[in-house]
């Protein structure tokens, strides 16, 4: 993509917080999933065995409460897969189903302890 010289493209950021409290803030590409961003940045605990097909729940995260309203609700497939996770919570989501966009720039997700 051609951009004027000296102009940088800003990228949305995602913060992944591990169960021990350690966090990693990473740049994400709009259009990718939160899961793809985690895999590309070697985030511990996001396994993504199905590669993002919403069929394994190994990319389960807890979305920070203040971000939930900014995301579309889980569809029936995701909701069913979330029934398979250990310690499902009201803010549980599959990171493969959350698309990165400018609207979620700065989102924070916690990786469940059970996945580490």
N, C-alpha and C. Protein backbone atom coordinates (compact mmCIF):
# COMPACT_ATOMS: atom_id res chain seq x y z
N UNK A 1 0.84 -1.17 0.00
CA UNK A 1 0.00 0.00 0.00
C UNK A 1 0.89 1.24 0.00
N UNK A 2 0.61 2.15 -0.91
CA UNK A 2 1.40 3.38 -0.99
C UNK A 2 0.89 4.39 0.03
N UNK A 3 1.83 4.91 0.81
CA UNK A 3 1.51 5.95 1.79
C UNK A 3 2.47 7.09 1.58
N UNK A 4 2.06 8.29 1.93
CA UNK A 4 3.00 9.41 1.82
C UNK A 4 4.24 9.15 2.68
N UNK A 5 5.40 9.61 2.24
CA UNK A 5 6.63 9.41 3.02
C UNK A 5 6.47 9.99 4.43
N UNK A 6 7.01 9.26 5.40
CA UNK A 6 6.99 9.73 6.77
C UNK A 6 5.68 9.45 7.50
N UNK A 7 4.70 8.90 6.84
CA UNK A 7 3.42 8.61 7.48
C UNK A 7 3.36 7.13 7.83
N UNK A 8 3.15 6.84 9.10
CA UNK A 8 3.10 5.45 9.56
C UNK A 8 1.66 5.00 9.71
N UNK A 9 1.43 3.74 9.45
CA UNK A 9 0.11 3.17 9.65
C UNK A 9 0.00 2.72 11.10
N UNK A 10 -1.02 3.20 11.79
CA UNK A 10 -1.24 2.79 13.17
C UNK A 10 -1.94 1.44 13.19
N UNK A 11 -1.58 0.60 14.13
CA UNK A 11 -2.16 -0.73 14.24
C UNK A 11 -2.88 -0.85 15.57
N UNK A 12 -4.02 -1.53 15.58
CA UNK A 12 -4.69 -1.77 16.86
C UNK A 12 -3.76 -2.57 17.78
N UNK A 13 -3.92 -2.36 19.06
CA UNK A 13 -3.14 -3.09 20.07
C UNK A 13 -4.07 -3.99 20.88
N UNK A 14 -3.52 -5.12 21.28
CA UNK A 14 -4.22 -6.07 22.14
C UNK A 14 -3.29 -6.39 23.30
N UNK A 15 -3.85 -6.42 24.52
CA UNK A 15 -3.07 -6.84 25.68
C UNK A 15 -3.56 -8.21 26.11
N UNK A 16 -2.64 -9.16 26.17
CA UNK A 16 -2.91 -10.51 26.65
C UNK A 16 -2.35 -10.62 28.06
N UNK A 17 -3.19 -10.98 29.00
CA UNK A 17 -2.77 -11.09 30.40
C UNK A 17 -2.81 -12.56 30.80
N UNK A 18 -1.68 -13.04 31.28
CA UNK A 18 -1.57 -14.43 31.73
C UNK A 18 -2.13 -14.57 33.15
N UNK A 19 -2.41 -15.79 33.55
CA UNK A 19 -2.97 -16.06 34.88
C UNK A 19 -2.06 -15.57 36.00
N UNK A 20 -0.74 -15.53 35.75
CA UNK A 20 0.20 -15.07 36.78
C UNK A 20 0.33 -13.54 36.82
N UNK A 21 -0.43 -12.85 35.95
CA UNK A 21 -0.41 -11.39 35.94
C UNK A 21 0.51 -10.78 34.91
N UNK A 22 1.42 -11.56 34.34
CA UNK A 22 2.29 -11.03 33.30
C UNK A 22 1.45 -10.70 32.07
N UNK A 23 1.81 -9.59 31.41
CA UNK A 23 1.03 -9.20 30.24
C UNK A 23 1.95 -8.89 29.06
N UNK A 24 1.36 -9.00 27.88
CA UNK A 24 2.05 -8.67 26.64
C UNK A 24 1.13 -7.81 25.81
N UNK A 25 1.60 -6.61 25.46
CA UNK A 25 0.85 -5.76 24.55
C UNK A 25 1.44 -5.94 23.17
N UNK A 26 0.60 -6.31 22.21
CA UNK A 26 1.08 -6.59 20.86
C UNK A 26 0.29 -5.79 19.83
N UNK A 27 0.91 -5.56 18.69
CA UNK A 27 0.24 -4.94 17.56
C UNK A 27 -0.53 -6.00 16.81
N UNK A 28 -1.68 -5.62 16.28
CA UNK A 28 -2.52 -6.55 15.55
C UNK A 28 -2.87 -5.96 14.19
N UNK A 29 -3.18 -6.82 13.25
CA UNK A 29 -3.60 -6.38 11.93
C UNK A 29 -5.12 -6.38 11.86
N UNK A 30 -5.69 -5.28 11.43
CA UNK A 30 -7.13 -5.23 11.26
C UNK A 30 -7.57 -6.33 10.31
N UNK A 31 -8.65 -7.01 10.67
CA UNK A 31 -9.16 -8.11 9.87
C UNK A 31 -8.73 -9.47 10.38
N UNK A 32 -7.58 -9.54 11.05
CA UNK A 32 -7.16 -10.80 11.68
C UNK A 32 -8.05 -11.05 12.89
N UNK A 33 -7.99 -12.25 13.42
CA UNK A 33 -8.68 -12.54 14.67
C UNK A 33 -7.72 -12.30 15.84
N UNK A 34 -8.29 -12.17 17.02
CA UNK A 34 -7.47 -12.05 18.23
C UNK A 34 -6.63 -13.31 18.37
N UNK A 35 -7.18 -14.47 18.01
CA UNK A 35 -6.44 -15.73 18.07
C UNK A 35 -5.24 -15.72 17.13
N UNK A 36 -5.43 -15.26 15.89
CA UNK A 36 -4.31 -15.20 14.94
C UNK A 36 -3.21 -14.27 15.46
N UNK A 37 -3.62 -13.19 16.08
CA UNK A 37 -2.66 -12.25 16.67
C UNK A 37 -1.88 -12.93 17.79
N UNK A 38 -2.57 -13.71 18.61
CA UNK A 38 -1.90 -14.43 19.70
C UNK A 38 -0.89 -15.43 19.15
N UNK A 39 -1.29 -16.20 18.15
CA UNK A 39 -0.39 -17.20 17.57
C UNK A 39 0.83 -16.50 16.93
N UNK A 40 0.59 -15.43 16.19
CA UNK A 40 1.68 -14.71 15.54
C UNK A 40 2.67 -14.11 16.54
N UNK A 41 2.22 -13.91 17.78
CA UNK A 41 3.07 -13.29 18.80
C UNK A 41 3.45 -14.26 19.92
N UNK A 42 3.28 -15.56 19.68
CA UNK A 42 3.69 -16.61 20.62
C UNK A 42 3.11 -16.40 22.02
N UNK A 43 1.83 -16.09 22.10
CA UNK A 43 1.17 -15.90 23.39
C UNK A 43 0.91 -17.27 24.02
N UNK A 44 1.47 -17.49 25.18
CA UNK A 44 1.31 -18.75 25.89
C UNK A 44 -0.16 -18.97 26.25
N UNK A 45 -0.64 -20.19 26.03
CA UNK A 45 -1.99 -20.57 26.42
C UNK A 45 -3.02 -20.48 25.32
N UNK A 46 -2.70 -19.85 24.21
CA UNK A 46 -3.59 -19.81 23.07
C UNK A 46 -3.07 -20.84 22.08
N UNK A 47 -3.70 -22.02 22.08
CA UNK A 47 -3.21 -23.15 21.29
C UNK A 47 -3.81 -23.15 19.89
N UNK A 48 -5.10 -22.92 19.80
CA UNK A 48 -5.80 -22.85 18.51
C UNK A 48 -5.63 -24.11 17.68
N UNK A 49 -5.94 -25.24 18.27
CA UNK A 49 -5.77 -26.53 17.58
C UNK A 49 -6.55 -26.62 16.28
N UNK A 50 -7.70 -25.97 16.19
CA UNK A 50 -8.52 -26.06 14.97
C UNK A 50 -8.17 -24.98 13.96
N UNK A 51 -7.24 -24.12 14.28
CA UNK A 51 -6.82 -23.09 13.35
C UNK A 51 -7.81 -21.96 13.15
N UNK A 52 -8.76 -21.84 14.05
CA UNK A 52 -9.72 -20.74 13.95
C UNK A 52 -11.06 -21.12 13.39
N UNK A 53 -11.36 -22.41 13.35
CA UNK A 53 -12.62 -22.89 12.77
C UNK A 53 -13.76 -22.96 13.79
N UNK A 54 -13.51 -22.49 14.99
CA UNK A 54 -14.53 -22.50 16.05
C UNK A 54 -14.99 -23.93 16.35
N UNK A 55 -14.01 -24.84 16.46
CA UNK A 55 -14.37 -26.22 16.72
C UNK A 55 -13.52 -26.90 17.79
N UNK A 56 -12.81 -26.11 18.61
CA UNK A 56 -11.99 -26.77 19.63
C UNK A 56 -11.95 -26.04 20.97
N UNK A 57 -12.18 -24.76 21.01
CA UNK A 57 -12.18 -23.96 22.24
C UNK A 57 -10.81 -23.84 22.91
N UNK A 58 -9.73 -24.12 22.18
CA UNK A 58 -8.38 -23.97 22.75
C UNK A 58 -7.83 -22.56 22.59
N UNK A 59 -8.70 -21.63 22.23
CA UNK A 59 -8.31 -20.22 22.15
C UNK A 59 -9.19 -19.38 23.08
N UNK A 60 -9.75 -20.03 24.08
CA UNK A 60 -10.64 -19.39 25.06
C UNK A 60 -9.90 -18.26 25.78
N UNK A 61 -10.59 -17.13 25.92
CA UNK A 61 -10.07 -16.00 26.69
C UNK A 61 -11.21 -15.39 27.49
N UNK A 62 -10.83 -14.58 28.48
CA UNK A 62 -11.80 -13.76 29.22
C UNK A 62 -11.59 -12.32 28.75
N UNK A 63 -12.63 -11.75 28.17
CA UNK A 63 -12.55 -10.38 27.68
C UNK A 63 -12.77 -9.43 28.85
N UNK A 64 -11.94 -8.41 28.97
CA UNK A 64 -12.11 -7.42 30.03
C UNK A 64 -13.53 -6.86 29.96
N UNK A 65 -14.17 -6.74 31.11
CA UNK A 65 -15.58 -6.36 31.20
C UNK A 65 -15.92 -5.10 30.40
N UNK A 66 -15.05 -4.10 30.43
CA UNK A 66 -15.36 -2.84 29.75
C UNK A 66 -15.31 -2.95 28.23
N UNK A 67 -14.87 -4.08 27.69
CA UNK A 67 -14.82 -4.29 26.25
C UNK A 67 -15.97 -5.14 25.72
N UNK A 68 -16.68 -5.84 26.58
CA UNK A 68 -17.71 -6.76 26.13
C UNK A 68 -18.77 -6.09 25.26
N UNK A 69 -19.24 -4.93 25.66
CA UNK A 69 -20.31 -4.24 24.92
C UNK A 69 -19.85 -3.79 23.53
N UNK A 70 -18.54 -3.73 23.31
CA UNK A 70 -18.02 -3.29 22.01
C UNK A 70 -17.89 -4.44 21.02
N UNK A 71 -18.15 -5.66 21.49
CA UNK A 71 -18.04 -6.84 20.64
C UNK A 71 -19.43 -7.37 20.29
N UNK A 72 -19.56 -7.97 19.11
CA UNK A 72 -20.83 -8.64 18.82
C UNK A 72 -20.99 -9.83 19.77
N UNK A 73 -22.21 -10.16 20.09
CA UNK A 73 -22.48 -11.31 20.97
C UNK A 73 -22.03 -12.60 20.28
N UNK A 74 -21.65 -13.60 21.06
CA UNK A 74 -21.28 -14.89 20.46
C UNK A 74 -22.47 -15.48 19.71
N UNK A 75 -22.19 -16.09 18.56
CA UNK A 75 -23.27 -16.78 17.84
C UNK A 75 -23.49 -18.15 18.47
N UNK A 76 -24.45 -18.90 17.96
CA UNK A 76 -24.81 -20.19 18.55
C UNK A 76 -23.65 -21.19 18.53
N UNK A 77 -22.86 -21.18 17.47
CA UNK A 77 -21.72 -22.10 17.38
C UNK A 77 -20.69 -21.79 18.46
N UNK A 78 -20.32 -20.52 18.58
CA UNK A 78 -19.35 -20.14 19.61
C UNK A 78 -19.89 -20.43 21.00
N UNK A 79 -21.16 -20.10 21.23
CA UNK A 79 -21.77 -20.35 22.53
C UNK A 79 -21.72 -21.83 22.89
N UNK A 80 -21.99 -22.69 21.92
CA UNK A 80 -21.91 -24.13 22.15
C UNK A 80 -20.51 -24.60 22.47
N UNK A 81 -19.52 -24.05 21.77
CA UNK A 81 -18.12 -24.43 22.03
C UNK A 81 -17.69 -23.94 23.41
N UNK A 82 -18.19 -22.79 23.82
CA UNK A 82 -17.83 -22.27 25.15
C UNK A 82 -18.36 -23.16 26.27
N UNK A 83 -19.39 -23.94 25.98
CA UNK A 83 -19.89 -24.89 26.98
C UNK A 83 -18.86 -25.98 27.27
N UNK A 84 -17.85 -26.12 26.42
CA UNK A 84 -16.82 -27.16 26.58
C UNK A 84 -15.61 -26.69 27.37
N UNK A 85 -15.51 -25.40 27.68
CA UNK A 85 -14.32 -24.90 28.35
C UNK A 85 -14.41 -25.10 29.86
N UNK A 86 -13.25 -25.15 30.49
CA UNK A 86 -13.18 -25.19 31.95
C UNK A 86 -13.38 -23.77 32.45
N UNK A 87 -14.22 -23.60 33.44
CA UNK A 87 -14.45 -22.30 34.08
C UNK A 87 -14.98 -21.24 33.13
N UNK A 88 -16.08 -21.58 32.46
CA UNK A 88 -16.74 -20.58 31.61
C UNK A 88 -17.28 -19.46 32.50
N UNK A 89 -17.13 -18.24 32.03
CA UNK A 89 -17.61 -17.05 32.74
C UNK A 89 -18.46 -16.21 31.78
N UNK A 90 -19.18 -15.22 32.31
CA UNK A 90 -19.98 -14.36 31.43
C UNK A 90 -19.15 -13.63 30.37
N UNK A 91 -17.86 -13.41 30.65
CA UNK A 91 -17.00 -12.72 29.70
C UNK A 91 -16.11 -13.68 28.90
N UNK A 92 -16.45 -14.97 28.89
CA UNK A 92 -15.70 -15.95 28.10
C UNK A 92 -16.00 -15.77 26.62
N UNK A 93 -14.96 -15.82 25.82
CA UNK A 93 -15.10 -15.76 24.36
C UNK A 93 -14.03 -16.64 23.74
N UNK A 94 -14.27 -17.06 22.51
CA UNK A 94 -13.24 -17.73 21.73
C UNK A 94 -12.53 -16.65 20.93
N UNK A 95 -11.23 -16.56 21.11
CA UNK A 95 -10.49 -15.47 20.47
C UNK A 95 -10.48 -15.59 18.94
N UNK A 96 -10.78 -16.78 18.42
CA UNK A 96 -10.85 -16.94 16.96
C UNK A 96 -12.08 -16.25 16.38
N UNK A 97 -13.03 -15.90 17.23
CA UNK A 97 -14.27 -15.29 16.78
C UNK A 97 -14.30 -13.78 16.98
N UNK A 98 -13.23 -13.22 17.48
CA UNK A 98 -13.15 -11.77 17.69
C UNK A 98 -12.25 -11.19 16.62
N UNK A 99 -12.81 -10.38 15.74
CA UNK A 99 -12.06 -9.75 14.66
C UNK A 99 -11.43 -8.45 15.13
N UNK A 100 -10.18 -8.27 14.77
CA UNK A 100 -9.44 -7.06 15.11
C UNK A 100 -9.93 -5.92 14.21
N UNK A 101 -10.16 -4.78 14.84
CA UNK A 101 -10.54 -3.57 14.11
C UNK A 101 -10.12 -2.37 14.95
N UNK A 102 -10.21 -1.21 14.37
CA UNK A 102 -9.87 0.01 15.12
C UNK A 102 -10.78 0.17 16.33
N UNK A 103 -12.01 -0.36 16.24
CA UNK A 103 -12.97 -0.22 17.33
C UNK A 103 -12.53 -0.97 18.60
N UNK A 104 -11.69 -1.97 18.44
CA UNK A 104 -11.23 -2.70 19.64
C UNK A 104 -9.76 -2.43 19.94
N UNK A 105 -9.23 -1.35 19.39
CA UNK A 105 -7.85 -0.95 19.69
C UNK A 105 -7.71 -0.77 21.19
N UNK A 106 -6.80 -1.53 21.80
CA UNK A 106 -6.56 -1.44 23.23
C UNK A 106 -7.26 -2.50 24.05
N UNK A 107 -7.98 -3.42 23.39
CA UNK A 107 -8.70 -4.46 24.11
C UNK A 107 -7.74 -5.29 24.98
N UNK A 108 -8.25 -5.76 26.08
CA UNK A 108 -7.48 -6.57 27.01
C UNK A 108 -8.21 -7.89 27.22
N UNK A 109 -7.46 -9.00 27.09
CA UNK A 109 -8.03 -10.32 27.32
C UNK A 109 -7.13 -11.11 28.27
N UNK A 110 -7.76 -11.92 29.11
CA UNK A 110 -7.03 -12.77 30.02
C UNK A 110 -7.02 -14.20 29.50
N UNK A 111 -5.87 -14.84 29.57
CA UNK A 111 -5.73 -16.25 29.19
C UNK A 111 -6.05 -17.09 30.42
N UNK A 112 -7.02 -18.01 30.31
CA UNK A 112 -7.38 -18.82 31.48
C UNK A 112 -6.20 -19.67 31.98
N UNK A 113 -6.13 -19.80 33.28
CA UNK A 113 -5.06 -20.60 33.89
C UNK A 113 -5.12 -22.05 33.40
N UNK A 114 -6.31 -22.55 33.13
CA UNK A 114 -6.47 -23.94 32.70
C UNK A 114 -5.82 -24.23 31.35
N UNK A 115 -5.48 -23.22 30.58
CA UNK A 115 -4.87 -23.42 29.26
C UNK A 115 -3.36 -23.32 29.28
N UNK A 116 -2.80 -23.04 30.43
CA UNK A 116 -1.36 -22.85 30.49
C UNK A 116 -0.67 -24.14 30.90
